[in-house]
Amino acid sequence: MRLPQSGGCLCGAVRYEITQPPLVTYTCHCTTCQRLTGSAFSSAVLVAAEALPLRRRRLAVLRAARR
């Protein structure tokens, strides 16, 4: 993996840059992740907070719906 890696959301409200290698990567197949992604699974990367400086900070918290 080449570092730094940069990216963001499609609307441009959040931009980030990963400056250190991930601590953990994983794939989840739970039904909540399936609903959120519209796929059979979701992939995630866990990085240290100091390795993920945010350039734009209009963040929101997404909470899973309970059944």
Protein backbone atom coordinates (compact mmCIF):
# COMPACT_ATOMS: atom_id res chain seq x y z
CA MET A 1 0.00 0.00 0.00
CA ARG A 2 1.39 3.37 -0.98
CA LEU A 3 0.98 6.09 1.59
CA PRO A 4 -0.45 8.60 1.94
CA GLN A 5 -3.84 7.59 0.52
CA SER A 6 -6.51 10.28 0.14
CA GLY A 7 -10.21 10.19 -0.54
CA GLY A 8 -13.59 11.34 0.65
CA CYS A 9 -17.33 11.12 0.21
CA LEU A 10 -19.03 11.74 -3.11
CA CYS A 11 -20.63 15.02 -2.01
CA GLY A 12 -17.25 16.45 -0.97
CA ALA A 13 -18.28 17.27 2.62
CA VAL A 14 -15.54 15.03 4.01
CA ARG A 15 -11.98 14.63 2.72
CA TYR A 16 -9.32 12.53 4.41
CA GLU A 17 -5.76 11.31 4.06
CA ILE A 18 -4.46 8.04 5.55
CA THR A 19 -0.84 8.55 6.60
CA GLN A 20 -0.07 5.21 8.32
CA PRO A 21 -0.81 1.58 7.42
CA PRO A 22 -4.14 0.16 8.66
CA LEU A 23 -4.23 -1.54 12.05
CA VAL A 24 -6.92 -3.97 10.87
CA THR A 25 -8.92 -4.65 7.72
CA TYR A 26 -12.04 -6.81 7.72
CA THR A 27 -15.16 -7.85 5.86
CA CYS A 28 -18.58 -8.07 7.51
CA HIS A 29 -21.54 -10.11 6.26
CA CYS A 30 -24.14 -9.12 8.88
CA THR A 31 -27.58 -8.03 7.67
CA THR A 32 -27.04 -4.43 8.87
CA CYS A 33 -23.92 -4.09 6.73
CA GLN A 34 -25.73 -5.75 3.82
CA ARG A 35 -28.53 -3.15 4.07
CA LEU A 36 -26.11 -0.22 4.40
CA THR A 37 -24.08 -1.22 1.35
CA GLY A 38 -26.70 -2.93 -0.83
CA SER A 39 -24.25 -5.81 -1.15
CA ALA A 40 -23.57 -9.21 0.38
CA PHE A 41 -20.85 -7.69 2.59
CA SER A 42 -19.00 -4.54 3.53
CA SER A 43 -15.26 -3.96 3.83
CA ALA A 44 -13.72 -1.77 6.52
CA VAL A 45 -10.33 -0.43 7.52
CA LEU A 46 -9.32 0.54 11.04
CA VAL A 47 -6.61 3.21 11.36
CA ALA A 48 -5.24 5.16 14.30
CA ALA A 49 -6.88 8.58 14.78
CA GLU A 50 -3.59 10.39 14.28
CA ALA A 51 -3.16 8.55 10.96
CA LEU A 52 -6.42 9.97 9.58
CA PRO A 53 -6.40 13.76 9.46
CA LEU A 54 -9.70 15.13 8.15
CA ARG A 55 -9.56 18.07 5.76
CA ARG A 56 -13.26 18.92 5.91
CA ARG A 57 -15.22 18.12 9.03
CA ARG A 58 -18.94 18.08 8.41
CA LEU A 59 -19.47 14.63 9.88
CA ALA A 60 -22.64 12.84 10.91
CA VAL A 61 -23.20 9.66 12.86
CA LEU A 62 -25.12 6.86 11.16
CA ARG A 63 -27.02 4.65 13.55
CA ALA A 64 -28.36 1.27 12.49
CA ALA A 65 -32.12 0.84 12.64
CA ARG A 66 -33.29 -1.60 15.29
CA ARG A 67 -35.91 -4.17 14.44
